Amino acid sequence: MKVDVILGLQWGDEGKGKIVDVLAPEYDVIARFQGGPNAGHTLEFDNIKHVLHQIPSGMFRKNTLNVIGNGVVLDPVIFKKEIEKLAPYGLDPRANLVVSTKAQLILPTHRLLDQAYEQSKGDNKIGSTLKGIGPAYQDKIARAGIRTGDILSKNFEEKLNQLMSKHLEILADYPLEYDFPTLKKEFSEAIDFLKSFKLVDTTYLINDKLQDGHKILAEGAQGSMLDIDFGSYPFVTSSNTTTPGVCTGLGVAPSKIGRVYGIFKAYCTRVGSGPFPTELFDEEGELIRSEGREYGATTGRPRRCGWIDIPALKYAIMINGVTDLIMMKADVLSIFDEIKVCTHYMFEDGTVSDRFPNDLCSEKIVPVYQTLKGWKTDLSSTTDEKKFPDELVQYIARLEELLSTPIVMVSLGPGRNQTIKRQLF
């Protein structure tokens, strides 16, 4: 058996949570391989909206084992709150959720450092979610971090106090107000709560499951254009959000990667700062935001909106080895008479290319658009691909032609039943 992968191809918020929930019954294990509480995976069913930040999106499928892998940075305080929110739904998280002993912990002082660093940047803010992600990964790379398995060791408190003391020394240089005793108390309570879960070496767990023939789906967070190496640097997250991150974030060999599902919206959005070639600053952008309810699931910030970006998508498909595409929110574009597709970039020197530039931040780009006819049809109750309006069929066909990859699924709304698996799936 091999590990299938599901990840975002744009700047995050593509709808990964919903699709993981839809696909979960076909898998035995759902495993998060990177990121942390900066993720906001939204699931909507039975007229209830759920937003998961650290817990894998297979949590509502009782026969699915959910794994928080070693590549994740875990905030125990947010983890505790997430679990407690599941109480009304009759779930037993301790029965189908395990946490890697190698996952790094986010400390209260990591969150404070995140705030201090971001505030100090002034107008050059990167748009951090302020969840402590960057500082936690910093400590991991510096070999100074604390891992989940450490909470079971006798010298945990000593290691914790030592690291937080270093953080407090740094924070003394920033004009940031905080109540450290309260933060530490809340953290200690969350650590005790975390100890009640199964903390295991998930590297062996995942590989044993593969050897025994179980089907595994790796769930990514954020999006490919936010990858620390391949995204729009420096306006990126602090982890590898692309397929290679599965290998390092779960401990599986590259040869064990199977199908790679790449999720994208029928248009583009971005939260926070950073380049966005197809961003709309007019009424059309506002219409997309309003119709698509484009507000961050983690931050609540309004998302920047624009037309679909083919050069960026082709780049993301290439670096991820995407085998199957899943298009989200096609229903949102139903309000437009015409829909634009950015097929190329025109650079400052007049050259035109469909390749993603090495440094998107320093390039002045003018999108080259192709205009397609809109479908102007309410798709919310459509359950069969054969009933797609002709204009939507043509839009899908054009994207497949430009991307050289099949679109196997189309989402027409937030609900589970508003997901159409195409005949070629």
Protein backbone atom coordinates (compact mmCIF):
# COMPACT_ATOMS: atom_id res chain seq x y z
CA MET A 1 0.00 0.00 0.00
CA LYS A 2 0.97 3.63 -0.47
CA VAL A 3 0.12 6.91 1.23
CA ASP A 4 -2.25 9.11 -0.77
CA VAL A 5 -1.87 12.85 -0.26
CA ILE A 6 -4.34 15.70 -0.21
CA LEU A 7 -3.02 19.26 -0.21
CA GLY A 8 -3.79 22.79 -1.33
CA LEU A 9 -2.34 24.23 -4.53
CA GLN A 10 -2.89 27.93 -3.86
CA TRP A 11 -2.37 30.19 -0.83
CA GLY A 12 -4.37 28.02 1.55
CA ASP A 13 -8.10 28.03 2.36
CA GLU A 14 -8.84 25.83 -0.66
CA GLY A 15 -11.30 23.57 1.18
CA LYS A 16 -9.06 20.65 2.19
CA GLY A 17 -11.01 19.88 5.35
CA LYS A 18 -14.25 19.27 3.49
CA ILE A 19 -12.64 16.95 0.94
CA VAL A 20 -10.76 14.97 3.59
CA ASP A 21 -14.08 14.47 5.37
CA VAL A 22 -15.69 13.33 2.09
CA LEU A 23 -12.86 10.90 1.28
CA ALA A 24 -12.32 9.65 4.85
CA PRO A 25 -14.68 6.62 4.56
CA GLU A 26 -12.35 5.25 1.86
CA TYR A 27 -9.33 5.37 4.19
CA ASP A 28 -8.35 3.69 7.43
CA VAL A 29 -6.01 6.46 8.60
CA ILE A 30 -6.00 10.26 8.17
CA ALA A 31 -2.67 11.84 9.12
CA ARG A 32 -1.70 15.51 9.44
CA PHE A 33 1.93 15.95 8.39
CA GLN A 34 2.79 19.63 8.97
CA GLY A 35 1.59 22.99 10.20
CA GLY A 36 -0.31 23.67 13.39
CA PRO A 37 -3.14 25.83 14.71
CA ASN A 38 -2.57 28.30 11.86
CA ALA A 39 -4.68 25.87 9.81
CA GLY A 40 -8.44 26.24 9.62
CA HIS A 41 -10.09 23.21 8.02
CA THR A 42 -13.84 23.73 7.70
CA LEU A 43 -16.32 20.85 7.58
CA GLU A 44 -20.05 21.39 7.19
CA PHE A 45 -22.71 18.70 7.54
CA ASP A 46 -26.04 18.19 9.31
CA ASN A 47 -26.40 22.00 9.15
CA ILE A 48 -23.45 22.39 11.54
CA LYS A 49 -20.15 24.06 10.67
CA HIS A 50 -16.98 22.67 12.27
CA VAL A 51 -13.54 24.30 12.07
CA LEU A 52 -10.55 22.11 12.95
CA HIS A 53 -7.11 23.61 13.48
CA GLN A 54 -4.84 20.77 14.60
CA ILE A 55 -7.02 17.68 14.62
CA PRO A 56 -7.15 15.72 11.33
CA SER A 57 -10.37 16.18 9.34
CA GLY A 58 -11.31 12.51 9.61
CA MET A 59 -12.32 13.08 13.23
CA PHE A 60 -16.04 12.83 12.53
CA ARG A 61 -15.68 9.40 10.91
CA LYS A 62 -15.73 6.93 13.81
CA ASN A 63 -13.99 4.11 11.96
CA THR A 64 -11.06 6.29 10.92
CA LEU A 65 -7.82 6.55 12.91
CA ASN A 66 -6.57 10.14 13.05
CA VAL A 67 -2.86 10.84 13.44
CA ILE A 68 -1.08 14.08 14.36
CA GLY A 69 2.32 13.46 12.79
CA ASN A 70 5.83 14.46 13.82
CA GLY A 71 5.93 17.35 11.32
CA VAL A 72 3.14 19.17 13.17
CA VAL A 73 3.74 21.89 15.77
CA LEU A 74 1.12 21.30 18.46
CA ASP A 75 -0.33 23.90 20.80
CA PRO A 76 -1.68 21.97 23.83
CA VAL A 77 -3.95 24.85 24.85
CA ILE A 78 -5.69 25.04 21.48
CA PHE A 79 -5.72 21.22 21.28
CA LYS A 80 -7.61 21.05 24.59
CA LYS A 81 -10.17 23.61 23.42
CA GLU A 82 -10.67 21.78 20.12
CA ILE A 83 -11.30 18.48 21.84
CA GLU A 84 -13.71 20.04 24.31
CA LYS A 85 -15.75 21.48 21.43
CA LEU A 86 -16.33 17.94 20.15
CA ALA A 87 -18.11 16.89 23.37
CA PRO A 88 -21.69 17.67 22.16
CA TYR A 89 -21.32 15.32 19.19
CA GLY A 90 -20.86 12.05 21.05
CA LEU A 91 -17.32 11.46 19.81
CA ASP A 92 -14.61 9.66 21.75
CA PRO A 93 -11.40 11.39 20.59
CA ARG A 94 -9.18 9.19 22.70
CA ALA A 95 -10.40 6.15 20.79
CA ASN A 96 -9.44 7.30 17.29
CA LEU A 97 -6.78 9.99 17.73
CA VAL A 98 -3.06 9.52 18.35
CA VAL A 99 -0.29 12.12 18.65
CA SER A 100 3.32 11.69 17.61
CA THR A 101 5.84 11.84 20.44
CA LYS A 102 8.09 13.68 17.97
CA ALA A 103 5.68 16.55 17.27
CA GLN A 104 7.06 19.88 18.52
CA LEU A 105 5.14 21.78 21.20
CA ILE A 106 4.09 25.41 20.84
CA LEU A 107 4.68 27.15 24.16
CA PRO A 108 2.88 30.28 25.39
CA THR A 109 6.11 32.20 24.87
CA HIS A 110 6.20 31.10 21.22
CA ARG A 111 2.91 32.89 20.70
CA LEU A 112 4.25 35.98 22.47
CA LEU A 113 7.39 35.97 20.34
CA ASP A 114 5.24 35.69 17.22
CA GLN A 115 3.29 38.79 18.26
CA ALA A 116 6.44 40.72 19.16
CA TYR A 117 8.23 39.89 15.90
CA GLU A 118 5.20 40.75 13.77
CA GLN A 119 4.56 44.06 15.53
CA SER A 120 8.19 45.07 15.13
CA LYS A 121 7.96 44.70 11.33
CA GLY A 122 5.57 47.64 11.02
CA ASP A 123 4.40 48.01 7.42
CA ASN A 124 6.46 44.95 6.41
CA LYS A 125 4.30 42.45 8.31
CA ILE A 126 4.04 39.02 6.65
CA GLY A 127 0.48 38.50 7.90
CA SER A 128 1.24 35.89 10.56
CA THR A 129 -1.70 34.19 12.28
CA LEU A 130 0.16 34.92 15.56
CA LYS A 131 -0.20 31.30 16.69
CA GLY A 132 3.50 30.85 17.45
CA ILE A 133 4.17 28.70 14.39
CA GLY A 134 7.34 30.43 13.19
CA PRO A 135 9.07 30.64 16.60
CA ALA A 136 8.21 26.98 17.32
CA TYR A 137 9.76 25.82 14.04
CA GLN A 138 12.71 28.14 14.78
CA ASP A 139 13.39 26.27 18.01
CA LYS A 140 12.96 22.96 16.23
CA ILE A 141 15.63 23.82 13.66
CA ALA A 142 17.86 25.27 16.40
CA ARG A 143 17.51 21.93 18.23
CA ALA A 144 16.14 23.73 21.25
CA GLY A 145 12.47 22.76 20.98
CA ILE A 146 10.37 20.55 23.24
CA ARG A 147 8.64 17.54 21.73
CA THR A 148 5.36 15.99 22.78
CA GLY A 149 7.13 12.91 24.14
CA ASP A 150 9.11 15.13 26.51
CA ILE A 151 6.02 15.78 28.63
CA LEU A 152 6.35 12.21 29.91
CA SER A 153 9.96 12.65 31.03
CA LYS A 154 11.07 13.43 34.59
CA ASN A 155 12.94 16.58 33.59
CA PHE A 156 10.11 18.09 31.51
CA GLU A 157 9.53 21.04 33.85
CA GLU A 158 13.23 21.82 33.89
CA LYS A 159 13.45 21.82 30.08
CA LEU A 160 10.25 23.86 29.82
CA ASN A 161 11.35 26.54 32.26
CA GLN A 162 14.77 26.77 30.68
CA LEU A 163 13.37 27.38 27.19
CA MET A 164 10.67 29.79 28.34
CA SER A 165 13.26 31.76 30.32
CA LYS A 166 15.25 32.25 27.11
CA HIS A 167 12.09 33.43 25.37
CA LEU A 168 11.30 35.89 28.17
CA GLU A 169 14.79 37.38 27.90
CA ILE A 170 14.14 38.08 24.21
CA LEU A 171 10.66 39.48 24.93
CA ALA A 172 12.13 41.97 27.39
CA ASP A 173 13.38 43.93 24.38
CA TYR A 174 9.88 44.36 22.94
CA PRO A 175 7.02 46.61 24.16
CA LEU A 176 4.57 43.75 24.59
CA GLU A 177 2.18 43.42 27.54
CA TYR A 178 1.19 39.96 28.77
CA ASP A 179 0.18 38.01 31.86
CA PHE A 180 2.75 35.23 31.97
CA PRO A 181 1.54 33.44 35.17
CA THR A 182 -1.94 33.05 33.67
CA LEU A 183 -0.54 31.81 30.36
CA LYS A 184 1.70 29.29 32.12
CA LYS A 185 -1.15 27.99 34.29
CA GLU A 186 -3.35 27.48 31.23
CA PHE A 187 -0.48 25.68 29.49
CA SER A 188 0.14 23.36 32.48
CA GLU A 189 -3.54 22.36 32.55
CA ALA A 190 -3.42 21.65 28.81
CA ILE A 191 -0.30 19.48 29.23
CA ASP A 192 -2.10 17.36 31.84
CA PHE A 193 -5.00 17.03 29.40
CA LEU A 194 -2.69 16.02 26.55
CA LYS A 195 -1.20 13.26 28.72
CA SER A 196 -4.59 11.49 28.66
CA PHE A 197 -4.20 10.81 24.91
CA LYS A 198 -2.22 8.14 23.12
CA LEU A 199 1.27 9.54 22.55
CA VAL A 200 3.13 7.14 20.28
CA ASP A 201 5.94 6.92 17.75
CA THR A 202 3.70 7.48 14.74
CA THR A 203 6.57 6.74 12.34
CA TYR A 204 6.31 3.05 13.16
CA LEU A 205 2.52 3.25 13.40
CA ILE A 206 2.18 4.64 9.86
CA ASN A 207 4.65 2.20 8.33
CA ASP A 208 3.14 -0.77 10.16
CA LYS A 209 -0.30 0.22 8.88
CA LEU A 210 1.07 0.40 5.33
CA GLN A 211 2.66 -3.02 5.65
CA ASP A 212 -0.61 -4.46 6.93
CA GLY A 213 -2.47 -3.13 3.88
CA HIS A 214 -4.31 -0.21 5.45
CA LYS A 215 -5.21 2.81 3.34
CA ILE A 216 -3.69 6.10 4.53
CA LEU A 217 -4.47 9.67 3.50
CA ALA A 218 -1.98 12.40 4.41
CA GLU A 219 -3.67 15.75 5.08
CA GLY A 220 -1.76 18.95 4.39
CA ALA A 221 -2.35 22.38 5.88
CA GLN A 222 -2.00 25.85 4.32
CA GLY A 223 -1.20 25.77 0.57
CA SER A 224 1.64 25.05 -1.83
CA MET A 225 2.27 28.74 -2.50
CA LEU A 226 3.01 29.14 1.21
CA ASP A 227 5.71 26.43 1.27
CA ILE A 228 8.86 27.63 3.06
CA ASP A 229 11.05 26.61 0.09
CA PHE A 230 8.79 26.89 -2.95
CA GLY A 231 6.22 29.52 -2.02
CA SER A 232 6.13 33.32 -2.38
CA TYR A 233 9.04 33.79 0.04
CA PRO A 234 9.26 35.51 2.53
CA PHE A 235 5.45 35.70 2.70
CA VAL A 236 5.16 32.00 3.49
CA THR A 237 4.57 29.66 6.40
CA SER A 238 7.37 27.89 8.28
CA SER A 239 6.90 24.33 7.02
CA ASN A 240 6.94 22.31 3.81
CA THR A 241 3.32 22.29 2.69
CA THR A 242 4.09 20.27 -0.45
CA THR A 243 4.24 16.51 -1.07
CA PRO A 244 7.87 16.10 0.12
CA GLY A 245 6.65 17.32 3.52
CA VAL A 246 4.69 14.08 3.83
CA CYS A 247 7.93 12.08 3.90
CA THR A 248 9.56 14.20 6.59
CA GLY A 249 6.31 14.92 8.46
CA LEU A 250 5.19 11.30 8.79
CA GLY A 251 8.38 9.30 8.26
CA VAL A 252 7.48 7.51 5.04
CA ALA A 253 9.79 6.86 2.09
CA PRO A 254 9.27 8.77 -1.19
CA SER A 255 8.53 5.45 -2.89
CA LYS A 256 5.51 5.08 -0.61
CA ILE A 257 3.65 8.12 -2.02
CA GLY A 258 0.61 7.16 -4.09
CA ARG A 259 -2.06 9.45 -5.54
CA VAL A 260 -1.66 13.16 -4.92
CA TYR A 261 -4.94 15.10 -4.81
CA GLY A 262 -4.40 18.80 -5.46
CA ILE A 263 -7.22 21.07 -4.31
CA PHE A 264 -7.84 24.50 -5.81
CA LYS A 265 -10.61 27.05 -5.88
CA ALA A 266 -12.23 28.00 -9.18
CA TYR A 267 -10.74 31.43 -8.42
CA CYS A 268 -7.94 32.58 -6.05
CA THR A 269 -7.81 33.92 -2.50
CA ARG A 270 -5.09 34.92 -0.08
CA VAL A 271 -5.07 35.99 3.59
CA GLY A 272 -2.42 38.36 4.90
CA SER A 273 0.41 40.10 3.11
CA GLY A 274 2.36 38.99 0.07
CA PRO A 275 2.19 39.05 -3.74
CA PHE A 276 -1.03 38.06 -5.49
CA PRO A 277 -0.83 38.55 -9.29
CA THR A 278 -4.54 38.16 -10.08
CA GLU A 279 -5.92 40.05 -7.09
CA LEU A 280 -9.04 42.13 -7.81
CA PHE A 281 -9.44 45.52 -6.15
CA ASP A 282 -12.81 46.31 -7.72
CA GLU A 283 -16.43 45.31 -7.40
CA GLU A 284 -15.75 41.86 -8.88
CA GLY A 285 -13.34 41.09 -6.04
CA GLU A 286 -15.93 42.20 -3.49
CA LEU A 287 -18.58 40.04 -5.17
CA ILE A 288 -16.36 36.95 -4.95
CA ARG A 289 -15.63 37.66 -1.27
CA SER A 290 -19.29 38.14 -0.44
CA GLU A 291 -20.63 35.18 -2.46
CA GLY A 292 -17.84 32.84 -1.31
CA ARG A 293 -17.95 33.92 2.35
CA GLU A 294 -14.24 34.53 2.06
CA TYR A 295 -13.11 35.17 5.61
CA GLY A 296 -10.26 33.33 7.30
CA ALA A 297 -11.35 30.25 9.30
CA THR A 298 -8.48 30.86 11.75
CA THR A 299 -8.10 34.63 11.79
CA GLY A 300 -11.52 35.85 10.64
CA ARG A 301 -9.75 38.31 8.35
CA PRO A 302 -11.35 39.08 4.96
CA ARG A 303 -9.56 37.19 2.20
CA ARG A 304 -8.13 38.94 -0.81
CA CYS A 305 -9.83 37.61 -3.94
CA GLY A 306 -8.95 37.32 -7.62
CA TRP A 307 -9.29 35.25 -10.79
CA ILE A 308 -7.71 31.83 -11.16
CA ASP A 309 -3.94 31.82 -11.77
CA ILE A 310 -2.81 29.10 -14.19
CA PRO A 311 0.99 29.73 -14.06
CA ALA A 312 0.93 29.38 -10.26
CA LEU A 313 -1.29 26.28 -10.46
CA LYS A 314 0.94 24.60 -13.07
CA TYR A 315 3.94 25.26 -10.85
CA ALA A 316 2.18 23.78 -7.81
CA ILE A 317 1.09 20.71 -9.79
CA MET A 318 4.69 20.18 -10.94
CA ILE A 319 6.40 20.41 -7.54
CA ASN A 320 3.76 18.23 -5.87
CA GLY A 321 3.48 15.53 -8.52
CA VAL A 322 -0.30 15.99 -8.55
CA THR A 323 -2.19 13.11 -10.14
CA ASP A 324 -5.76 14.32 -9.56
CA LEU A 325 -7.29 17.78 -9.28
CA ILE A 326 -10.27 18.78 -7.16
CA MET A 327 -11.98 22.09 -7.93
CA MET A 328 -13.76 23.90 -5.11
CA LYS A 329 -16.38 26.65 -5.01
CA ALA A 330 -17.43 26.54 -8.64
CA ASP A 331 -20.84 27.68 -7.36
CA VAL A 332 -19.39 31.04 -6.29
CA LEU A 333 -18.66 32.01 -9.90
CA SER A 334 -22.30 31.47 -10.88
CA ILE A 335 -22.94 35.19 -10.34
CA PHE A 336 -20.71 36.29 -13.25
CA ASP A 337 -21.61 36.75 -16.92
CA GLU A 338 -17.93 36.37 -17.81
CA ILE A 339 -15.09 34.61 -16.01
CA LYS A 340 -11.43 35.38 -16.52
CA VAL A 341 -8.56 32.88 -16.49
CA CYS A 342 -4.97 34.09 -16.12
CA THR A 343 -3.07 31.94 -18.61
CA HIS A 344 0.28 33.80 -18.63
CA TYR A 345 2.25 36.55 -16.89
CA MET A 346 3.63 39.62 -18.67
CA PHE A 347 6.80 40.87 -17.00
CA GLU A 348 8.21 44.40 -16.84
CA ASP A 349 10.54 43.79 -19.78
CA GLY A 350 7.59 42.80 -21.97
CA THR A 351 8.22 39.07 -21.99
CA VAL A 352 5.25 36.74 -21.60
CA SER A 353 5.54 33.41 -19.81
CA ASP A 354 3.44 30.71 -18.17
CA ARG A 355 6.24 29.96 -15.68
CA PHE A 356 6.16 31.00 -12.02
CA PRO A 357 9.04 33.44 -11.30
CA ASN A 358 11.83 32.69 -8.85
CA ASP A 359 11.03 35.78 -6.78
CA LEU A 360 7.38 36.73 -7.11
CA CYS A 361 7.83 39.59 -4.65
CA SER A 362 10.32 41.53 -6.77
CA GLU A 363 8.62 41.03 -10.14
CA LYS A 364 6.07 43.46 -11.55
CA ILE A 365 3.53 41.19 -13.19
CA VAL A 366 0.56 41.94 -15.40
CA PRO A 367 -1.79 38.94 -15.75
CA VAL A 368 -2.67 37.88 -19.29
CA TYR A 369 -6.32 36.82 -19.27
CA GLN A 370 -8.58 34.67 -21.38
CA THR A 371 -12.28 35.42 -20.95
CA LEU A 372 -14.82 32.59 -20.80
CA LYS A 373 -18.60 32.75 -20.69
CA GLY A 374 -20.15 32.30 -17.23
CA TRP A 375 -22.87 29.77 -16.49
CA LYS A 376 -25.24 32.01 -14.48
CA THR A 377 -26.93 28.96 -12.97
CA ASP A 378 -27.66 28.04 -9.35
CA LEU A 379 -25.61 24.87 -8.78
CA SER A 380 -26.47 24.26 -5.12
CA SER A 381 -28.82 21.35 -5.81
CA THR A 382 -26.86 19.80 -8.70
CA THR A 383 -25.93 16.19 -7.89
CA ASP A 384 -24.91 14.83 -11.29
CA GLU A 385 -22.11 15.89 -13.61
CA LYS A 386 -24.44 15.31 -16.57
CA LYS A 387 -26.54 18.25 -15.36
CA PHE A 388 -23.65 20.73 -15.36
CA PRO A 389 -24.41 23.77 -17.54
CA ASP A 390 -22.44 23.77 -20.80
CA GLU A 391 -20.40 26.80 -19.75
CA LEU A 392 -19.19 25.02 -16.59
CA VAL A 393 -18.28 21.96 -18.67
CA GLN A 394 -16.29 24.23 -20.97
CA TYR A 395 -14.58 25.94 -18.01
CA ILE A 396 -13.51 22.57 -16.58
CA ALA A 397 -12.31 21.36 -19.99
CA ARG A 398 -10.25 24.52 -20.52
CA LEU A 399 -8.60 24.21 -17.12
CA GLU A 400 -7.78 20.55 -17.74
CA GLU A 401 -6.25 21.51 -21.07
CA LEU A 402 -4.11 24.25 -19.52
CA LEU A 403 -3.08 22.16 -16.50
CA SER A 404 -2.65 18.79 -18.26
CA THR A 405 -4.21 17.09 -15.23
CA PRO A 406 -7.73 15.66 -14.78
CA ILE A 407 -10.26 17.36 -12.52
CA VAL A 408 -11.83 14.37 -10.76
CA MET A 409 -14.12 16.17 -8.35
CA VAL A 410 -16.07 19.43 -8.32
CA SER A 411 -17.46 21.06 -5.17
CA LEU A 412 -20.66 23.08 -5.54
CA GLY A 413 -21.18 24.14 -1.92
CA PRO A 414 -20.03 23.57 1.66
CA GLY A 415 -22.06 20.40 2.34
CA ARG A 416 -20.84 16.81 2.00
CA ASN A 417 -23.56 16.08 -0.56
CA GLN A 418 -22.51 19.05 -2.70
CA THR A 419 -19.39 17.25 -3.92
CA ILE A 420 -19.58 15.72 -7.38
CA LYS A 421 -17.22 12.87 -8.20
CA ARG A 422 -16.81 12.95 -11.96
CA GLN A 423 -17.08 9.86 -14.13
CA LEU A 424 -13.30 9.74 -14.54
CA PHE A 425 -12.75 9.55 -10.76
